[in-house]
């Protein structure tokens, strides 16, 4: 296990793919001959987040605008025009709000189904 400083930037796309495949920081660090804490801080700085393995369905990303209203914050987006939204969410949103969970990370807001 190497402890030397390794430039991780050139490996960003590989790291992103490995994280999406469920690889942990220890495994990635060993692969790149660096430390797990270096990998973890690189992921944080570059917004590479591990998705919870129980999450299902396809992702579709959309720009959003936050509007402050008297009732709180309104999230405006064009998500409803997306094929993924149509397939995965259209009928689901007729359910109750308790069936949905909002997950907020440093640079993303996810809407997820609660099963």
N, C-alpha and C. Protein backbone atom coordinates (compact mmCIF):
# COMPACT_ATOMS: atom_id res chain seq x y z
N UNK A 1 0.86 -1.18 0.00
CA UNK A 1 0.00 0.00 0.00
C UNK A 1 0.89 1.23 0.00
N UNK A 2 0.83 2.02 -1.06
CA UNK A 2 1.68 3.20 -1.13
C UNK A 2 1.08 4.38 -0.40
N UNK A 3 1.96 5.24 0.13
CA UNK A 3 1.50 6.43 0.83
C UNK A 3 1.99 7.70 0.17
N UNK A 4 2.60 7.57 -1.00
CA UNK A 4 3.11 8.77 -1.64
C UNK A 4 1.97 9.56 -2.27
N UNK A 5 2.21 10.85 -2.50
CA UNK A 5 1.19 11.71 -3.11
C UNK A 5 1.09 11.36 -4.59
N UNK A 6 -0.10 11.05 -5.03
CA UNK A 6 -0.34 10.71 -6.42
C UNK A 6 -1.34 11.73 -6.96
N UNK A 7 -1.07 12.28 -8.14
CA UNK A 7 -2.03 13.21 -8.74
C UNK A 7 -3.25 12.41 -9.18
N UNK A 8 -4.39 12.71 -8.57
CA UNK A 8 -5.60 11.94 -8.86
C UNK A 8 -6.43 12.55 -10.01
N UNK A 9 -6.19 13.83 -10.31
CA UNK A 9 -6.96 14.51 -11.35
C UNK A 9 -6.97 13.73 -12.68
N UNK A 10 -5.81 13.22 -13.14
CA UNK A 10 -5.82 12.48 -14.41
C UNK A 10 -6.69 11.21 -14.35
N UNK A 11 -7.00 10.75 -13.14
CA UNK A 11 -7.78 9.52 -12.97
C UNK A 11 -9.25 9.80 -12.64
N UNK A 12 -9.67 11.06 -12.76
CA UNK A 12 -11.02 11.46 -12.33
C UNK A 12 -12.12 10.61 -12.96
N UNK A 13 -12.05 10.39 -14.28
CA UNK A 13 -13.13 9.64 -14.93
C UNK A 13 -13.13 8.17 -14.47
N UNK A 14 -11.93 7.61 -14.26
CA UNK A 14 -11.84 6.24 -13.74
C UNK A 14 -12.42 6.16 -12.33
N UNK A 15 -12.05 7.13 -11.50
CA UNK A 15 -12.52 7.15 -10.10
C UNK A 15 -14.05 7.26 -10.09
N UNK A 16 -14.59 8.15 -10.93
CA UNK A 16 -16.04 8.32 -11.02
C UNK A 16 -16.71 6.99 -11.40
N UNK A 17 -16.15 6.31 -12.40
CA UNK A 17 -16.71 5.04 -12.86
C UNK A 17 -16.62 3.98 -11.75
N UNK A 18 -15.47 3.91 -11.07
CA UNK A 18 -15.30 2.93 -9.99
C UNK A 18 -16.29 3.17 -8.86
N UNK A 19 -16.48 4.45 -8.52
CA UNK A 19 -17.43 4.79 -7.44
C UNK A 19 -18.85 4.38 -7.87
N UNK A 20 -19.20 4.67 -9.13
CA UNK A 20 -20.52 4.26 -9.63
C UNK A 20 -20.69 2.75 -9.61
N UNK A 21 -19.57 2.02 -9.80
CA UNK A 21 -19.60 0.56 -9.76
C UNK A 21 -19.60 0.02 -8.33
N UNK A 22 -19.52 0.93 -7.35
CA UNK A 22 -19.59 0.50 -5.95
C UNK A 22 -18.24 0.23 -5.29
N UNK A 23 -17.15 0.57 -5.96
CA UNK A 23 -15.81 0.36 -5.37
C UNK A 23 -15.60 1.34 -4.21
N UNK A 24 -14.97 0.87 -3.14
CA UNK A 24 -14.71 1.70 -1.98
C UNK A 24 -13.40 2.47 -2.11
N UNK A 25 -13.21 3.44 -1.20
CA UNK A 25 -11.99 4.26 -1.21
C UNK A 25 -10.73 3.41 -1.01
N UNK A 26 -10.83 2.36 -0.18
CA UNK A 26 -9.68 1.47 0.06
C UNK A 26 -9.24 0.79 -1.25
N UNK A 27 -10.23 0.27 -1.97
CA UNK A 27 -9.94 -0.43 -3.23
C UNK A 27 -9.33 0.53 -4.25
N UNK A 28 -9.94 1.72 -4.37
CA UNK A 28 -9.45 2.72 -5.33
C UNK A 28 -8.04 3.17 -4.96
N UNK A 29 -7.80 3.38 -3.66
CA UNK A 29 -6.48 3.81 -3.20
C UNK A 29 -5.42 2.78 -3.55
N UNK A 30 -5.75 1.51 -3.35
CA UNK A 30 -4.79 0.43 -3.66
C UNK A 30 -4.51 0.41 -5.16
N UNK A 31 -5.55 0.58 -5.94
CA UNK A 31 -5.44 0.57 -7.40
C UNK A 31 -4.53 1.71 -7.89
N UNK A 32 -4.62 2.87 -7.24
CA UNK A 32 -3.88 4.05 -7.68
C UNK A 32 -2.64 4.34 -6.82
N UNK A 33 -2.32 3.40 -5.92
CA UNK A 33 -1.14 3.52 -5.07
C UNK A 33 -1.13 4.82 -4.26
N UNK A 34 -2.26 5.06 -3.57
CA UNK A 34 -2.36 6.24 -2.72
C UNK A 34 -3.14 5.86 -1.46
N UNK A 35 -3.56 6.83 -0.68
CA UNK A 35 -4.27 6.53 0.57
C UNK A 35 -5.78 6.69 0.40
N UNK A 36 -6.56 5.92 1.17
CA UNK A 36 -8.01 6.06 1.12
C UNK A 36 -8.46 7.49 1.45
N UNK A 37 -7.78 8.16 2.38
CA UNK A 37 -8.20 9.53 2.72
C UNK A 37 -7.95 10.50 1.56
N UNK A 38 -6.90 10.26 0.77
CA UNK A 38 -6.67 11.08 -0.43
C UNK A 38 -7.80 10.89 -1.42
N UNK A 39 -8.21 9.65 -1.60
CA UNK A 39 -9.30 9.34 -2.53
C UNK A 39 -10.59 10.01 -2.05
N UNK A 40 -10.86 9.89 -0.74
CA UNK A 40 -12.08 10.45 -0.16
C UNK A 40 -12.11 11.97 -0.34
N UNK A 41 -11.01 12.64 -0.05
CA UNK A 41 -11.01 14.11 -0.18
C UNK A 41 -11.08 14.52 -1.65
N UNK A 42 -10.45 13.75 -2.54
CA UNK A 42 -10.55 14.03 -3.97
C UNK A 42 -12.00 13.90 -4.43
N UNK A 43 -12.68 12.86 -3.97
CA UNK A 43 -14.09 12.67 -4.34
C UNK A 43 -14.93 13.85 -3.86
N UNK A 44 -14.70 14.29 -2.63
CA UNK A 44 -15.45 15.43 -2.09
C UNK A 44 -15.21 16.70 -2.91
N UNK A 45 -13.94 16.99 -3.18
CA UNK A 45 -13.60 18.20 -3.93
C UNK A 45 -14.18 18.19 -5.34
N UNK A 46 -14.35 16.99 -5.89
CA UNK A 46 -14.79 16.87 -7.28
C UNK A 46 -16.23 16.37 -7.42
N UNK A 47 -16.97 16.44 -6.31
CA UNK A 47 -18.38 16.05 -6.31
C UNK A 47 -18.63 14.66 -6.88
N UNK A 48 -17.79 13.72 -6.46
CA UNK A 48 -17.99 12.32 -6.87
C UNK A 48 -18.55 11.60 -5.65
N UNK A 49 -19.86 11.37 -5.69
CA UNK A 49 -20.53 10.80 -4.52
C UNK A 49 -20.97 9.38 -4.77
N UNK A 50 -20.91 8.59 -3.73
CA UNK A 50 -21.34 7.20 -3.81
C UNK A 50 -22.85 7.15 -3.65
N UNK A 51 -23.52 6.52 -4.57
CA UNK A 51 -24.97 6.36 -4.46
C UNK A 51 -25.28 5.18 -3.57
N UNK A 52 -26.34 5.33 -2.81
CA UNK A 52 -26.80 4.25 -1.95
C UNK A 52 -27.18 3.07 -2.83
N UNK A 53 -26.64 1.86 -2.54
CA UNK A 53 -26.91 0.71 -3.42
C UNK A 53 -28.38 0.31 -3.49
N UNK A 54 -29.21 0.74 -2.53
CA UNK A 54 -30.63 0.36 -2.60
C UNK A 54 -31.41 1.27 -3.54
N UNK A 55 -30.82 2.35 -3.99
CA UNK A 55 -31.53 3.25 -4.89
C UNK A 55 -31.69 2.60 -6.26
N UNK A 56 -32.85 2.73 -6.82
CA UNK A 56 -33.16 2.08 -8.09
C UNK A 56 -33.57 3.12 -9.13
N UNK A 57 -33.64 2.68 -10.36
CA UNK A 57 -34.16 3.54 -11.41
C UNK A 57 -33.06 4.34 -12.08
N UNK A 58 -33.42 4.93 -13.19
CA UNK A 58 -32.46 5.71 -13.96
C UNK A 58 -32.42 7.15 -13.45
N UNK A 59 -31.29 7.77 -13.66
CA UNK A 59 -31.13 9.17 -13.30
C UNK A 59 -31.36 10.03 -14.52
N UNK A 60 -31.86 11.21 -14.29
CA UNK A 60 -31.88 12.20 -15.35
C UNK A 60 -31.63 13.54 -14.67
N UNK A 61 -30.67 14.29 -15.21
CA UNK A 61 -30.27 15.55 -14.59
C UNK A 61 -30.90 16.72 -15.31
N UNK A 62 -31.32 17.71 -14.51
CA UNK A 62 -31.96 18.89 -15.07
C UNK A 62 -31.55 20.12 -14.28
N UNK A 63 -31.28 21.23 -14.98
CA UNK A 63 -31.00 22.46 -14.25
C UNK A 63 -32.26 22.88 -13.49
N UNK A 64 -32.07 23.53 -12.37
CA UNK A 64 -33.21 23.94 -11.55
C UNK A 64 -33.00 25.35 -11.03
N UNK A 65 -34.12 26.02 -10.79
CA UNK A 65 -34.10 27.36 -10.20
C UNK A 65 -34.87 27.28 -8.89
N UNK A 66 -34.29 27.82 -7.82
CA UNK A 66 -34.97 27.87 -6.53
C UNK A 66 -35.65 29.22 -6.38
N UNK A 67 -36.95 29.19 -6.10
CA UNK A 67 -37.71 30.42 -5.88
C UNK A 67 -38.23 30.43 -4.45
N UNK A 68 -38.00 31.52 -3.74
CA UNK A 68 -38.54 31.64 -2.38
C UNK A 68 -39.99 32.10 -2.48
N UNK A 69 -40.88 31.41 -1.80
CA UNK A 69 -42.29 31.79 -1.79
C UNK A 69 -42.73 31.97 -0.35
N UNK A 70 -43.97 32.39 -0.14
CA UNK A 70 -44.50 32.56 1.22
C UNK A 70 -44.55 31.22 1.96
N UNK A 71 -44.71 30.12 1.19
CA UNK A 71 -44.82 28.79 1.80
C UNK A 71 -43.48 28.08 1.97
N UNK A 72 -42.42 28.60 1.39
CA UNK A 72 -41.12 27.92 1.47
C UNK A 72 -40.33 28.13 0.20
N UNK A 73 -39.68 27.07 -0.25
CA UNK A 73 -38.85 27.16 -1.45
C UNK A 73 -39.47 26.30 -2.55
N UNK A 74 -39.62 26.87 -3.73
CA UNK A 74 -40.16 26.17 -4.87
C UNK A 74 -39.01 25.83 -5.81
N UNK A 75 -38.94 24.58 -6.23
CA UNK A 75 -37.90 24.11 -7.14
C UNK A 75 -38.50 24.04 -8.54
N UNK A 76 -38.01 24.90 -9.44
CA UNK A 76 -38.51 24.91 -10.82
C UNK A 76 -37.51 24.21 -11.72
N UNK A 77 -38.00 23.25 -12.51
CA UNK A 77 -37.13 22.49 -13.41
C UNK A 77 -37.93 22.01 -14.62
N UNK A 78 -37.21 21.60 -15.66
CA UNK A 78 -37.88 21.07 -16.86
C UNK A 78 -37.92 19.55 -16.83
N UNK A 79 -37.78 18.95 -15.65
CA UNK A 79 -37.71 17.48 -15.52
C UNK A 79 -38.91 16.79 -16.15
N UNK A 80 -40.08 17.40 -16.08
CA UNK A 80 -41.29 16.73 -16.59
C UNK A 80 -41.21 16.47 -18.10
N UNK A 81 -40.32 17.15 -18.80
CA UNK A 81 -40.16 16.93 -20.25
C UNK A 81 -39.21 15.76 -20.56
N UNK A 82 -38.65 15.15 -19.54
CA UNK A 82 -37.66 14.08 -19.73
C UNK A 82 -38.33 12.72 -19.91
N UNK A 83 -37.76 11.89 -20.79
CA UNK A 83 -38.26 10.53 -21.00
C UNK A 83 -38.15 9.72 -19.72
N UNK A 84 -37.03 9.88 -19.01
CA UNK A 84 -36.82 9.14 -17.76
C UNK A 84 -37.89 9.53 -16.75
N UNK A 85 -38.17 10.82 -16.63
CA UNK A 85 -39.20 11.28 -15.71
C UNK A 85 -40.54 10.65 -16.08
N UNK A 86 -40.86 10.69 -17.37
CA UNK A 86 -42.13 10.15 -17.83
C UNK A 86 -42.26 8.67 -17.49
N UNK A 87 -41.21 7.91 -17.75
CA UNK A 87 -41.21 6.46 -17.51
C UNK A 87 -41.21 6.13 -16.02
N UNK A 88 -40.34 6.80 -15.26
CA UNK A 88 -40.09 6.41 -13.87
C UNK A 88 -41.00 7.08 -12.84
N UNK A 89 -41.49 8.29 -13.16
CA UNK A 89 -42.13 9.09 -12.12
C UNK A 89 -43.59 9.46 -12.36
N UNK A 90 -44.01 9.56 -13.59
CA UNK A 90 -45.33 10.13 -13.92
C UNK A 90 -46.45 9.57 -13.03
N UNK A 91 -46.68 8.27 -13.03
CA UNK A 91 -47.74 7.68 -12.21
C UNK A 91 -47.43 7.73 -10.73
N UNK A 92 -46.16 7.68 -10.41
CA UNK A 92 -45.72 7.63 -9.01
C UNK A 92 -46.09 8.91 -8.26
N UNK A 93 -46.01 10.04 -8.93
CA UNK A 93 -46.24 11.33 -8.26
C UNK A 93 -47.70 11.57 -7.89
N UNK A 94 -48.58 10.68 -8.34
CA UNK A 94 -49.97 10.79 -7.92
C UNK A 94 -50.16 10.27 -6.50
N UNK A 95 -49.14 9.60 -5.97
CA UNK A 95 -49.20 9.07 -4.60
C UNK A 95 -49.07 10.17 -3.57
N UNK A 96 -48.83 9.79 -2.33
CA UNK A 96 -48.72 10.80 -1.28
C UNK A 96 -47.28 11.29 -1.14
N UNK A 97 -47.09 12.50 -0.61
CA UNK A 97 -45.74 13.07 -0.46
C UNK A 97 -44.84 12.20 0.42
N UNK A 98 -45.42 11.38 1.30
CA UNK A 98 -44.60 10.53 2.16
C UNK A 98 -43.87 9.47 1.34
N UNK A 99 -44.30 9.25 0.10
CA UNK A 99 -43.67 8.27 -0.76
C UNK A 99 -42.40 8.80 -1.41
N UNK A 100 -42.11 10.10 -1.20
CA UNK A 100 -40.95 10.74 -1.81
C UNK A 100 -39.97 11.21 -0.75
N UNK A 101 -38.70 11.21 -1.12
CA UNK A 101 -37.65 11.69 -0.22
C UNK A 101 -36.76 12.64 -1.02
N UNK A 102 -36.44 13.77 -0.42
CA UNK A 102 -35.55 14.73 -1.07
C UNK A 102 -34.17 14.57 -0.42
N UNK A 103 -33.16 14.33 -1.25
CA UNK A 103 -31.78 14.17 -0.77
C UNK A 103 -30.98 15.35 -1.30
N UNK A 104 -30.34 16.09 -0.40
CA UNK A 104 -29.57 17.27 -0.81
C UNK A 104 -28.10 17.02 -0.52
N UNK A 105 -27.26 17.11 -1.56
CA UNK A 105 -25.82 17.00 -1.39
C UNK A 105 -25.22 18.37 -1.68
N UNK A 106 -23.92 18.44 -1.68
CA UNK A 106 -23.24 19.73 -1.88
C UNK A 106 -23.66 20.41 -3.18
N UNK A 107 -23.86 19.62 -4.24
CA UNK A 107 -24.16 20.25 -5.53
C UNK A 107 -25.33 19.62 -6.28
N UNK A 108 -26.10 18.79 -5.61
CA UNK A 108 -27.22 18.12 -6.27
C UNK A 108 -28.41 18.06 -5.32
N UNK A 109 -29.61 18.01 -5.90
CA UNK A 109 -30.83 17.73 -5.15
C UNK A 109 -31.47 16.53 -5.85
N UNK A 110 -31.63 15.44 -5.10
CA UNK A 110 -32.23 14.24 -5.66
C UNK A 110 -33.64 14.08 -5.14
N UNK A 111 -34.52 13.62 -5.99
CA UNK A 111 -35.86 13.23 -5.58
C UNK A 111 -35.89 11.71 -5.72
N UNK A 112 -36.20 11.01 -4.64
CA UNK A 112 -36.17 9.55 -4.66
C UNK A 112 -37.46 8.95 -4.18
N UNK A 113 -37.75 7.77 -4.70
CA UNK A 113 -38.91 7.00 -4.27
C UNK A 113 -38.56 6.29 -2.97
N UNK A 114 -39.49 6.30 -2.03
CA UNK A 114 -39.30 5.58 -0.77
C UNK A 114 -40.15 4.32 -0.87
N UNK A 115 -39.52 3.17 -0.70
CA UNK A 115 -40.26 1.90 -0.81
C UNK A 115 -40.35 1.26 0.54
